[in-house]
Amino acid sequence: MKNGTGASDASAMLLVGTLRTWRRAMALVETTGGVDGFVPGQMVGDERLGNVRSRSIELSRRDGVVRTIGFADDRP
């Protein structure tokens, strides 16, 4: 797992998978640097990974803006 790898631009980031158990969560994210695993609290580019759901993740910026990234198949 890398800390701070990749870009915070949504077009340069793709949610590849989520892994969740009752005690742990992890998101697999593809960035310009490749695919890597992140746990809540880690930085993904300039954003901090928050909640990991079954089909999406929440990323928050330092200015307090929170956005949700879902699987590409789920986008309109």
Protein backbone atom coordinates (compact mmCIF):
# COMPACT_ATOMS: atom_id res chain seq x y z
CA MET A 1 0.00 0.00 0.00
CA LYS A 2 1.23 3.44 -0.88
CA ASN A 3 0.48 6.66 0.93
CA GLY A 4 -0.10 9.73 -1.21
CA THR A 5 0.26 8.04 -4.56
CA GLY A 6 -1.68 9.14 -7.60
CA ALA A 7 -3.69 12.11 -8.67
CA SER A 8 -6.71 13.67 -7.02
CA ASP A 9 -8.33 14.38 -10.40
CA ALA A 10 -11.37 12.11 -10.79
CA SER A 11 -10.52 11.49 -14.46
CA ALA A 12 -7.12 10.13 -13.39
CA MET A 13 -8.61 7.88 -10.68
CA LEU A 14 -10.66 4.72 -11.06
CA LEU A 15 -12.19 2.63 -8.28
CA VAL A 16 -11.17 -0.95 -9.04
CA GLY A 17 -12.54 -2.72 -5.97
CA THR A 18 -13.56 -2.56 -2.34
CA LEU A 19 -12.90 -5.09 0.38
CA ARG A 20 -14.96 -4.93 3.57
CA THR A 21 -15.25 -7.01 6.68
CA TRP A 22 -16.84 -6.11 9.98
CA ARG A 23 -13.43 -4.90 11.27
CA ARG A 24 -11.57 -3.63 8.20
CA ALA A 25 -12.04 -1.92 4.88
CA MET A 26 -9.81 -1.32 1.88
CA ALA A 27 -10.20 0.31 -1.51
CA LEU A 28 -8.32 -0.68 -4.64
CA VAL A 29 -7.77 2.45 -6.70
CA GLU A 30 -6.11 2.87 -10.08
CA THR A 31 -4.21 6.14 -10.51
CA THR A 32 -1.59 7.29 -12.97
CA GLY A 33 0.90 5.34 -10.83
CA GLY A 34 -0.97 2.02 -11.19
CA VAL A 35 -3.34 0.05 -8.95
CA ASP A 36 -2.83 0.18 -5.21
CA GLY A 37 -4.69 -0.57 -1.99
CA PHE A 38 -5.67 2.13 0.49
CA VAL A 39 -7.27 1.94 3.93
CA PRO A 40 -9.44 4.65 5.49
CA GLY A 41 -7.31 7.56 6.69
CA GLN A 42 -4.65 7.16 4.01
CA MET A 43 -4.00 9.82 1.40
CA VAL A 44 -4.93 9.08 -2.21
CA GLY A 45 -3.22 11.91 -4.04
CA ASP A 46 -4.28 15.11 -2.29
CA GLU A 47 -7.38 13.56 -0.71
CA ARG A 48 -7.94 11.42 2.38
CA LEU A 49 -9.86 8.16 2.03
CA GLY A 50 -12.88 8.13 4.30
CA ASN A 51 -15.78 5.71 4.21
CA VAL A 52 -15.39 2.57 2.07
CA ARG A 53 -18.74 1.22 0.91
CA SER A 54 -19.54 -1.83 -1.18
CA ARG A 55 -19.68 0.12 -4.46
CA SER A 56 -18.10 3.49 -3.66
CA ILE A 57 -15.58 5.40 -1.56
CA GLU A 58 -15.54 8.86 -0.02
CA LEU A 59 -12.56 11.15 -0.47
CA SER A 60 -12.11 14.42 1.43
CA ARG A 61 -9.90 17.39 0.67
CA ARG A 62 -8.19 19.63 3.20
CA ASP A 63 -10.75 22.37 2.54
CA GLY A 64 -13.53 20.05 3.76
CA VAL A 65 -15.01 19.13 0.37
CA VAL A 66 -16.07 15.47 0.28
CA ARG A 67 -16.75 13.56 -2.92
CA THR A 68 -17.85 10.05 -3.71
CA ILE A 69 -16.15 7.87 -6.32
CA GLY A 70 -18.06 4.82 -7.59
CA PHE A 71 -17.30 2.03 -10.00
CA ALA A 72 -17.18 3.06 -13.65
CA ASP A 73 -20.00 0.56 -14.40
CA ASP A 74 -22.25 2.47 -11.99
CA ARG A 75 -21.83 5.83 -13.74
CA PRO A 76 -24.52 7.12 -16.13
